[in-house]
Amino acid sequence: MAKLYKSILLPFLFLVVFSCSEDDPLPMPVVNFFLDPEVAEVGIPVMFDNVTVNAARYEWDFGGIATSTETSPSVTFSDPGTVTVTLRAFTEDEQMVEITRDIAVLERVLTGYIVNVFPLTNGDDPWDVGVPAGEEFADIIIQLLPEDVSNDDGVVDGIFGDVSQGPFGIAVDPLLNKVVLSDEDWNFVLFDFDGDDPADLQPEDVETMIGAVFNPLQLPTFKNDAGDAGFISILLVDNDGNVLDVDLTFELQ
């Protein structure tokens, strides 16, 4: 009789234990994510590195700009500003935990440039043939302008005197002239100026020394440890073997 009692009771106990485990909710997700790179900027892909645990699926909302169900999506923002990012994590039994953060999306603002290498002669001749010895070096006008004429960002500078040794650099104050290095084609051109008045440029007063067309977001970029400033490297060798090597410095604002 005892054996029969055991054979009935044991399956009943297993059934109770199994039923309780089926009804218990799964552990709740612990939600978190990081940005790579840590500072988001316009035109540069940002990976949202999801480090959540105890989740089976995800829903991302990037402030109405984009959504994703990927674990760690990559997003490229086209405009600066603050974006509210929400990550929702779901368990297999549809329990949900979410986290929301405001992300600042910044843009590259020019702070200066350094011309490291440029043509020191016009072919085999000095730039200003016929002038007194020691004065035949180029007076240089620098243009950094977007190709899109509707974009009025850019700088035009001048270096006058004996520009013969290089490199030379010019600082740009973003408070006085905010130049946003936008995701488009730009021109950096050096001109030899032979006129009398740089404020009254005439076509016959200038000769192109060398220039480059580039997209500032697609060139090699080197940032500081904080990721909020750095420089862009422009390197060009033209058909005549002339070299242009320029660094554009910027801050993310």
C-alpha atoms as a PDB file:
ATOM      1  CA  MET A   1       0.000   0.000   0.000  1.00  0.00           C
ATOM      2  CA  ALA A   2       2.902   2.376   0.775  1.00  0.00           C
ATOM      3  CA  LYS A   3       4.426   1.774  -2.660  1.00  0.00           C
ATOM      4  CA  LEU A   4       1.153   2.639  -4.361  1.00  0.00           C
ATOM      5  CA  TYR A   5       0.920   5.891  -2.343  1.00  0.00           C
ATOM      6  CA  LYS A   6       4.426   6.929  -3.441  1.00  0.00           C
ATOM      7  CA  SER A   7       3.701   6.187  -7.076  1.00  0.00           C
ATOM      8  CA  ILE A   8       0.674   8.508  -6.988  1.00  0.00           C
ATOM      9  CA  LEU A   9       2.257  11.325  -4.915  1.00  0.00           C
ATOM     10  CA  LEU A  10       5.559  11.801  -6.762  1.00  0.00           C
ATOM     11  CA  PRO A  11       4.082  12.634 -10.187  1.00  0.00           C
ATOM     12  CA  PHE A  12       1.770  15.080  -8.439  1.00  0.00           C
ATOM     13  CA  LEU A  13       4.739  16.890  -6.820  1.00  0.00           C
ATOM     14  CA  PHE A  14       6.579  17.124 -10.129  1.00  0.00           C
ATOM     15  CA  LEU A  15       3.460  18.578 -11.719  1.00  0.00           C
ATOM     16  CA  VAL A  16       3.179  21.266  -9.032  1.00  0.00           C
ATOM     17  CA  VAL A  17       6.860  22.277  -9.338  1.00  0.00           C
ATOM     18  CA  PHE A  18       6.678  22.371 -13.136  1.00  0.00           C
ATOM     19  CA  SER A  19       3.498  24.427 -13.105  1.00  0.00           C
ATOM     20  CA  CYS A  20       4.991  27.001 -10.748  1.00  0.00           C
ATOM     21  CA  SER A  21       8.112  27.465 -12.907  1.00  0.00           C
ATOM     22  CA  GLU A  22       5.946  28.007 -16.003  1.00  0.00           C
ATOM     23  CA  ASP A  23       4.024  30.799 -14.275  1.00  0.00           C
ATOM     24  CA  ASP A  24       7.068  32.649 -12.877  1.00  0.00           C
ATOM     25  CA  PRO A  25       8.018  35.744 -14.988  1.00  0.00           C
ATOM     26  CA  LEU A  26      11.421  35.834 -16.664  1.00  0.00           C
ATOM     27  CA  PRO A  27      14.124  38.124 -15.212  1.00  0.00           C
ATOM     28  CA  MET A  28      13.576  41.746 -16.187  1.00  0.00           C
ATOM     29  CA  PRO A  29      16.012  43.322 -18.681  1.00  0.00           C
ATOM     30  CA  VAL A  30      18.813  45.541 -17.443  1.00  0.00           C
ATOM     31  CA  VAL A  31      18.962  48.177 -20.182  1.00  0.00           C
ATOM     32  CA  ASN A  32      21.939  50.297 -21.227  1.00  0.00           C
ATOM     33  CA  PHE A  33      23.760  51.489 -24.345  1.00  0.00           C
ATOM     34  CA  PHE A  34      26.824  53.486 -25.383  1.00  0.00           C
ATOM     35  CA  LEU A  35      27.753  55.524 -28.456  1.00  0.00           C
ATOM     36  CA  ASP A  36      30.669  54.734 -30.770  1.00  0.00           C
ATOM     37  CA  PRO A  37      32.114  57.279 -31.406  1.00  0.00           C
ATOM     38  CA  GLU A  38      31.212  58.801 -28.045  1.00  0.00           C
ATOM     39  CA  VAL A  39      30.428  62.226 -29.568  1.00  0.00           C
ATOM     40  CA  ALA A  40      27.733  62.211 -32.272  1.00  0.00           C
ATOM     41  CA  GLU A  41      28.206  64.503 -35.240  1.00  0.00           C
ATOM     42  CA  VAL A  42      26.339  65.320 -38.424  1.00  0.00           C
ATOM     43  CA  GLY A  43      27.162  63.079 -41.378  1.00  0.00           C
ATOM     44  CA  ILE A  44      29.219  60.517 -39.438  1.00  0.00           C
ATOM     45  CA  PRO A  45      27.682  57.069 -38.661  1.00  0.00           C
ATOM     46  CA  VAL A  46      27.163  56.455 -34.949  1.00  0.00           C
ATOM     47  CA  MET A  47      26.784  52.912 -33.613  1.00  0.00           C
ATOM     48  CA  PHE A  48      24.506  52.552 -30.606  1.00  0.00           C
ATOM     49  CA  ASP A  49      26.277  49.775 -28.724  1.00  0.00           C
ATOM     50  CA  ASN A  50      23.581  47.825 -26.866  1.00  0.00           C
ATOM     51  CA  VAL A  51      24.849  46.210 -23.634  1.00  0.00           C
ATOM     52  CA  THR A  52      21.412  45.169 -22.326  1.00  0.00           C
ATOM     53  CA  VAL A  53      21.027  41.761 -20.627  1.00  0.00           C
ATOM     54  CA  ASN A  54      17.967  39.481 -20.172  1.00  0.00           C
ATOM     55  CA  ALA A  55      16.246  40.676 -23.358  1.00  0.00           C
ATOM     56  CA  ALA A  56      14.960  38.768 -26.375  1.00  0.00           C
ATOM     57  CA  ARG A  57      14.223  41.678 -28.714  1.00  0.00           C
ATOM     58  CA  TYR A  58      14.630  45.452 -28.981  1.00  0.00           C
ATOM     59  CA  GLU A  59      12.900  48.538 -30.296  1.00  0.00           C
ATOM     60  CA  TRP A  60      14.831  51.766 -30.892  1.00  0.00           C
ATOM     61  CA  ASP A  61      13.323  55.205 -31.481  1.00  0.00           C
ATOM     62  CA  PHE A  62      15.674  58.001 -32.539  1.00  0.00           C
ATOM     63  CA  GLY A  63      13.438  60.956 -31.788  1.00  0.00           C
ATOM     64  CA  GLY A  64      11.162  60.295 -34.748  1.00  0.00           C
ATOM     65  CA  ILE A  65      14.108  60.515 -37.158  1.00  0.00           C
ATOM     66  CA  ALA A  66      14.512  56.737 -37.429  1.00  0.00           C
ATOM     67  CA  THR A  67      13.531  53.478 -35.751  1.00  0.00           C
ATOM     68  CA  SER A  68      15.230  50.081 -35.592  1.00  0.00           C
ATOM     69  CA  THR A  69      14.795  46.580 -34.215  1.00  0.00           C
ATOM     70  CA  GLU A  70      18.488  45.711 -34.556  1.00  0.00           C
ATOM     71  CA  THR A  71      20.442  44.908 -31.442  1.00  0.00           C
ATOM     72  CA  SER A  72      23.055  47.636 -32.013  1.00  0.00           C
ATOM     73  CA  PRO A  73      22.004  49.849 -34.926  1.00  0.00           C
ATOM     74  CA  SER A  74      24.088  52.455 -36.735  1.00  0.00           C
ATOM     75  CA  VAL A  75      22.514  55.841 -37.439  1.00  0.00           C
ATOM     76  CA  THR A  76      23.733  58.845 -39.449  1.00  0.00           C
ATOM     77  CA  PHE A  77      22.200  62.164 -38.448  1.00  0.00           C
ATOM     78  CA  SER A  78      21.802  64.848 -41.104  1.00  0.00           C
ATOM     79  CA  ASP A  79      21.077  67.833 -38.848  1.00  0.00           C
ATOM     80  CA  PRO A  80      22.577  69.192 -35.617  1.00  0.00           C
ATOM     81  CA  GLY A  81      20.566  69.438 -32.417  1.00  0.00           C
ATOM     82  CA  THR A  82      19.352  67.294 -29.535  1.00  0.00           C
ATOM     83  CA  VAL A  83      17.870  63.881 -30.343  1.00  0.00           C
ATOM     84  CA  THR A  84      15.875  61.918 -27.753  1.00  0.00           C
ATOM     85  CA  VAL A  85      16.836  58.250 -28.086  1.00  0.00           C
ATOM     86  CA  THR A  86      14.691  55.533 -26.514  1.00  0.00           C
ATOM     87  CA  LEU A  87      15.663  51.860 -26.235  1.00  0.00           C
ATOM     88  CA  ARG A  88      12.952  49.362 -25.268  1.00  0.00           C
ATOM     89  CA  ALA A  89      14.008  45.854 -24.284  1.00  0.00           C
ATOM     90  CA  PHE A  90      11.529  42.945 -24.200  1.00  0.00           C
ATOM     91  CA  THR A  91      11.762  39.512 -22.612  1.00  0.00           C
ATOM     92  CA  GLU A  92      10.374  36.407 -24.338  1.00  0.00           C
ATOM     93  CA  ASP A  93       7.171  36.771 -22.284  1.00  0.00           C
ATOM     94  CA  GLU A  94       6.873  40.441 -23.438  1.00  0.00           C
ATOM     95  CA  GLN A  95       7.931  42.207 -20.267  1.00  0.00           C
ATOM     96  CA  MET A  96       9.434  45.579 -21.232  1.00  0.00           C
ATOM     97  CA  VAL A  97      11.968  47.975 -19.736  1.00  0.00           C
ATOM     98  CA  GLU A  98      13.050  51.173 -21.505  1.00  0.00           C
ATOM     99  CA  ILE A  99      15.744  53.808 -21.186  1.00  0.00           C
ATOM    100  CA  THR A 100      15.679  57.305 -22.710  1.00  0.00           C
ATOM    101  CA  ARG A 101      18.604  59.685 -23.260  1.00  0.00           C
ATOM    102  CA  ASP A 102      19.063  63.051 -24.938  1.00  0.00           C
ATOM    103  CA  ILE A 103      21.956  62.894 -27.421  1.00  0.00           C
ATOM    104  CA  ALA A 104      23.658  66.065 -28.682  1.00  0.00           C
ATOM    105  CA  VAL A 105      24.394  65.889 -32.424  1.00  0.00           C
ATOM    106  CA  LEU A 106      27.182  68.369 -33.225  1.00  0.00           C
ATOM    107  CA  GLU A 107      28.807  69.653 -36.417  1.00  0.00           C
ATOM    108  CA  ARG A 108      32.388  70.397 -37.473  1.00  0.00           C
ATOM    109  CA  VAL A 109      33.230  74.083 -37.153  1.00  0.00           C
ATOM    110  CA  LEU A 110      36.477  75.358 -38.688  1.00  0.00           C
ATOM    111  CA  THR A 111      39.011  76.813 -36.236  1.00  0.00           C
ATOM    112  CA  GLY A 112      41.940  77.240 -38.639  1.00  0.00           C
ATOM    113  CA  TYR A 113      44.199  75.626 -41.184  1.00  0.00           C
ATOM    114  CA  ILE A 114      47.859  74.887 -41.727  1.00  0.00           C
ATOM    115  CA  VAL A 115      49.392  74.729 -45.203  1.00  0.00           C
ATOM    116  CA  ASN A 116      52.261  72.290 -44.776  1.00  0.00           C
ATOM    117  CA  VAL A 117      53.399  71.873 -48.394  1.00  0.00           C
ATOM    118  CA  PHE A 118      52.611  73.917 -51.518  1.00  0.00           C
ATOM    119  CA  PRO A 119      54.438  74.771 -54.788  1.00  0.00           C
ATOM    120  CA  LEU A 120      57.282  77.166 -54.002  1.00  0.00           C
ATOM    121  CA  THR A 121      57.980  77.869 -57.672  1.00  0.00           C
ATOM    122  CA  ASN A 122      55.911  78.234 -60.816  1.00  0.00           C
ATOM    123  CA  GLY A 123      57.349  75.251 -62.649  1.00  0.00           C
ATOM    124  CA  ASP A 124      61.055  76.000 -62.888  1.00  0.00           C
ATOM    125  CA  ASP A 125      60.644  79.765 -62.492  1.00  0.00           C
ATOM    126  CA  PRO A 126      59.960  82.062 -59.546  1.00  0.00           C
ATOM    127  CA  TRP A 127      56.340  83.056 -59.142  1.00  0.00           C
ATOM    128  CA  ASP A 128      56.947  86.741 -59.898  1.00  0.00           C
ATOM    129  CA  VAL A 129      59.371  86.861 -62.793  1.00  0.00           C
ATOM    130  CA  GLY A 130      61.010  90.243 -63.366  1.00  0.00           C
ATOM    131  CA  VAL A 131      60.711  91.647 -59.870  1.00  0.00           C
ATOM    132  CA  PRO A 132      63.835  92.526 -57.866  1.00  0.00           C
ATOM    133  CA  ALA A 133      65.780  89.622 -56.421  1.00  0.00           C
ATOM    134  CA  GLY A 134      64.430  88.531 -53.084  1.00  0.00           C
ATOM    135  CA  GLU A 135      60.942  89.836 -53.866  1.00  0.00           C
ATOM    136  CA  GLU A 136      59.897  87.236 -56.413  1.00  0.00           C
ATOM    137  CA  PHE A 137      58.028  85.075 -53.934  1.00  0.00           C
ATOM    138  CA  ALA A 138      54.290  84.629 -54.197  1.00  0.00           C
ATOM    139  CA  ASP A 139      51.785  86.729 -52.328  1.00  0.00           C
ATOM    140  CA  ILE A 140      49.140  84.111 -51.660  1.00  0.00           C
ATOM    141  CA  ILE A 141      45.376  84.378 -51.566  1.00  0.00           C
ATOM    142  CA  ILE A 142      43.647  81.389 -49.986  1.00  0.00           C
ATOM    143  CA  GLN A 143      40.078  80.355 -50.752  1.00  0.00           C
ATOM    144  CA  LEU A 144      38.225  77.691 -48.767  1.00  0.00           C
ATOM    145  CA  LEU A 145      34.700  77.607 -50.182  1.00  0.00           C
ATOM    146  CA  PRO A 146      31.903  75.073 -50.738  1.00  0.00           C
ATOM    147  CA  GLU A 147      31.124  74.320 -54.374  1.00  0.00           C
ATOM    148  CA  ASP A 148      27.457  74.984 -53.730  1.00  0.00           C
ATOM    149  CA  VAL A 149      27.175  78.747 -54.198  1.00  0.00           C
ATOM    150  CA  SER A 150      23.974  78.784 -52.127  1.00  0.00           C
ATOM    151  CA  ASN A 151      26.112  77.887 -49.090  1.00  0.00           C
ATOM    152  CA  ASP A 152      27.721  81.147 -47.983  1.00  0.00           C
ATOM    153  CA  ASP A 153      30.109  79.476 -45.517  1.00  0.00           C
ATOM    154  CA  GLY A 154      33.810  79.722 -46.238  1.00  0.00           C
ATOM    155  CA  VAL A 155      36.899  81.879 -45.838  1.00  0.00           C
ATOM    156  CA  VAL A 156      39.098  83.966 -48.116  1.00  0.00           C
ATOM    157  CA  ASP A 157      42.467  84.960 -46.624  1.00  0.00           C
ATOM    158  CA  GLY A 158      45.730  86.423 -47.778  1.00  0.00           C
ATOM    159  CA  ILE A 159      49.401  85.946 -46.929  1.00  0.00           C
ATOM    160  CA  PHE A 160      51.491  88.813 -48.292  1.00  0.00           C
ATOM    161  CA  GLY A 161      55.263  89.116 -48.290  1.00  0.00           C
ATOM    162  CA  ASP A 162      57.973  86.489 -48.549  1.00  0.00           C
ATOM    163  CA  VAL A 163      55.919  83.285 -48.561  1.00  0.00           C
ATOM    164  CA  SER A 164      58.755  81.023 -49.544  1.00  0.00           C
ATOM    165  CA  GLN A 165      59.495  78.567 -46.824  1.00  0.00           C
ATOM    166  CA  GLY A 166      56.199  77.200 -45.499  1.00  0.00           C
ATOM    167  CA  PRO A 167      54.387  75.909 -43.651  1.00  0.00           C
ATOM    168  CA  PHE A 168      52.027  78.714 -42.679  1.00  0.00           C
ATOM    169  CA  GLY A 169      48.828  78.702 -40.671  1.00  0.00           C
ATOM    170  CA  ILE A 170      45.790  80.882 -40.126  1.00  0.00           C
ATOM    171  CA  ALA A 171      43.385  80.766 -37.196  1.00  0.00           C
ATOM    172  CA  VAL A 172      39.651  81.206 -37.781  1.00  0.00           C
ATOM    173  CA  ASP A 173      37.547  82.524 -34.897  1.00  0.00           C
ATOM    174  CA  PRO A 174      34.173  80.714 -34.941  1.00  0.00           C
ATOM    175  CA  LEU A 175      32.618  83.610 -33.005  1.00  0.00           C
ATOM    176  CA  LEU A 176      33.453  86.021 -35.830  1.00  0.00           C
ATOM    177  CA  ASN A 177      33.122  83.664 -38.781  1.00  0.00           C
ATOM    178  CA  LYS A 178      31.400  80.341 -38.113  1.00  0.00           C
ATOM    179  CA  VAL A 179      32.306  78.020 -40.972  1.00  0.00           C
ATOM    180  CA  VAL A 180      30.551  74.647 -40.770  1.00  0.00           C
ATOM    181  CA  LEU A 181      32.482  71.946 -42.641  1.00  0.00           C
ATOM    182  CA  SER A 182      29.398  70.405 -44.200  1.00  0.00           C
ATOM    183  CA  ASP A 183      28.936  67.066 -45.958  1.00  0.00           C
ATOM    184  CA  GLU A 184      29.478  68.302 -49.526  1.00  0.00           C
ATOM    185  CA  ASP A 185      32.252  69.177 -51.966  1.00  0.00           C
ATOM    186  CA  TRP A 186      34.571  72.022 -50.968  1.00  0.00           C
ATOM    187  CA  ASN A 187      37.478  73.762 -52.725  1.00  0.00           C
ATOM    188  CA  PHE A 188      40.783  74.724 -51.147  1.00  0.00           C
ATOM    189  CA  VAL A 189      42.773  76.842 -53.632  1.00  0.00           C
ATOM    190  CA  LEU A 190      45.995  78.861 -53.419  1.00  0.00           C
ATOM    191  CA  PHE A 191      46.435  81.800 -55.816  1.00  0.00           C
ATOM    192  CA  ASP A 192      49.552  83.841 -56.559  1.00  0.00           C
ATOM    193  CA  PHE A 193      48.500  87.493 -56.270  1.00  0.00           C
ATOM    194  CA  ASP A 194      50.331  90.100 -58.356  1.00  0.00           C
ATOM    195  CA  GLY A 195      47.932  93.023 -58.070  1.00  0.00           C
ATOM    196  CA  ASP A 196      48.130  96.199 -56.049  1.00  0.00           C
ATOM    197  CA  ASP A 197      44.959  95.894 -53.960  1.00  0.00           C
ATOM    198  CA  PRO A 198      43.791  92.509 -52.588  1.00  0.00           C
ATOM    199  CA  ALA A 199      40.350  94.032 -51.961  1.00  0.00           C
ATOM    200  CA  ASP A 200      40.007  94.661 -55.700  1.00  0.00           C
ATOM    201  CA  LEU A 201      40.767  91.292 -57.240  1.00  0.00           C
ATOM    202  CA  GLN A 202      40.960  91.220 -61.011  1.00  0.00           C
ATOM    203  CA  PRO A 203      41.399  88.042 -63.107  1.00  0.00           C
ATOM    204  CA  GLU A 204      44.732  89.277 -64.476  1.00  0.00           C
ATOM    205  CA  ASP A 205      46.045  89.789 -60.925  1.00  0.00           C
ATOM    206  CA  VAL A 206      45.921  86.133 -59.875  1.00  0.00           C
ATOM    207  CA  GLU A 207      47.344  82.831 -61.047  1.00  0.00           C
ATOM    208  CA  THR A 208      46.237  79.492 -59.660  1.00  0.00           C
ATOM    209  CA  MET A 209      49.048  77.792 -57.779  1.00  0.00           C
ATOM    210  CA  ILE A 210      47.299  74.584 -56.730  1.00  0.00           C
ATOM    211  CA  GLY A 211      43.911  73.484 -55.427  1.00  0.00           C
ATOM    212  CA  ALA A 212      41.907  70.490 -54.267  1.00  0.00           C
ATOM    213  CA  VAL A 213      38.248  69.472 -54.261  1.00  0.00           C
ATOM    214  CA  PHE A 214      37.267  67.409 -51.221  1.00  0.00           C
ATOM    215  CA  ASN A 215      34.466  66.414 -48.865  1.00  0.00           C
ATOM    216  CA  PRO A 216      35.564  67.304 -45.300  1.00  0.00           C
ATOM    217  CA  LEU A 217      33.629  64.398 -43.763  1.00  0.00           C
ATOM    218  CA  GLN A 218      35.226  61.799 -46.032  1.00  0.00           C
ATOM    219  CA  LEU A 219      38.892  62.725 -45.602  1.00  0.00           C
ATOM    220  CA  PRO A 220      41.200  61.176 -42.970  1.00  0.00           C
ATOM    221  CA  THR A 221      40.258  62.721 -39.614  1.00  0.00           C
ATOM    222  CA  PHE A 222      42.237  62.752 -36.374  1.00  0.00           C
ATOM    223  CA  LYS A 223      40.502  63.666 -33.101  1.00  0.00           C
ATOM    224  CA  ASN A 224      41.623  64.409 -29.563  1.00  0.00           C
ATOM    225  CA  ASP A 225      40.971  61.989 -26.694  1.00  0.00           C
ATOM    226  CA  ALA A 226      37.662  63.661 -25.865  1.00  0.00           C
ATOM    227  CA  GLY A 227      36.516  63.282 -29.465  1.00  0.00           C
ATOM    228  CA  ASP A 228      35.273  66.881 -29.674  1.00  0.00           C
ATOM    229  CA  ALA A 229      38.061  68.469 -31.767  1.00  0.00           C
ATOM    230  CA  GLY A 230      40.710  67.492 -34.281  1.00  0.00           C
ATOM    231  CA  PHE A 231      41.963  68.063 -37.795  1.00  0.00           C
ATOM    232  CA  ILE A 232      41.240  66.899 -41.340  1.00  0.00           C
ATOM    233  CA  SER A 233      44.125  66.051 -43.654  1.00  0.00           C
ATOM    234  CA  ILE A 234      44.082  67.147 -47.313  1.00  0.00           C
ATOM    235  CA  LEU A 235      46.817  65.669 -49.510  1.00  0.00           C
ATOM    236  CA  LEU A 236      46.968  66.228 -53.274  1.00  0.00           C
ATOM    237  CA  VAL A 237      49.597  65.573 -55.938  1.00  0.00           C
ATOM    238  CA  ASP A 238      48.616  67.188 -59.251  1.00  0.00           C
ATOM    239  CA  ASN A 239      49.514  66.078 -62.775  1.00  0.00           C
ATOM    240  CA  ASP A 240      52.700  68.146 -62.699  1.00  0.00           C
ATOM    241  CA  GLY A 241      53.903  66.559 -59.458  1.00  0.00           C
ATOM    242  CA  ASN A 242      53.084  69.584 -57.303  1.00  0.00           C
ATOM    243  CA  VAL A 243      52.050  68.726 -53.739  1.00  0.00           C
ATOM    244  CA  LEU A 244      49.390  70.345 -51.577  1.00  0.00           C
ATOM    245  CA  ASP A 245      49.309  69.219 -47.942  1.00  0.00           C
ATOM    246  CA  VAL A 246      46.810  71.029 -45.697  1.00  0.00           C
ATOM    247  CA  ASP A 247      45.356  70.370 -42.232  1.00  0.00           C
ATOM    248  CA  LEU A 248      41.949  71.865 -41.413  1.00  0.00           C
ATOM    249  CA  THR A 249      41.411  72.148 -37.658  1.00  0.00           C
ATOM    250  CA  PHE A 250      37.896  71.996 -36.206  1.00  0.00           C
ATOM    251  CA  GLU A 251      35.793  71.815 -33.065  1.00  0.00           C
ATOM    252  CA  LEU A 252      32.489  69.976 -32.685  1.00  0.00           C
ATOM    253  CA  GLN A 253      29.811  72.490 -31.738  1.00  0.00           C
END
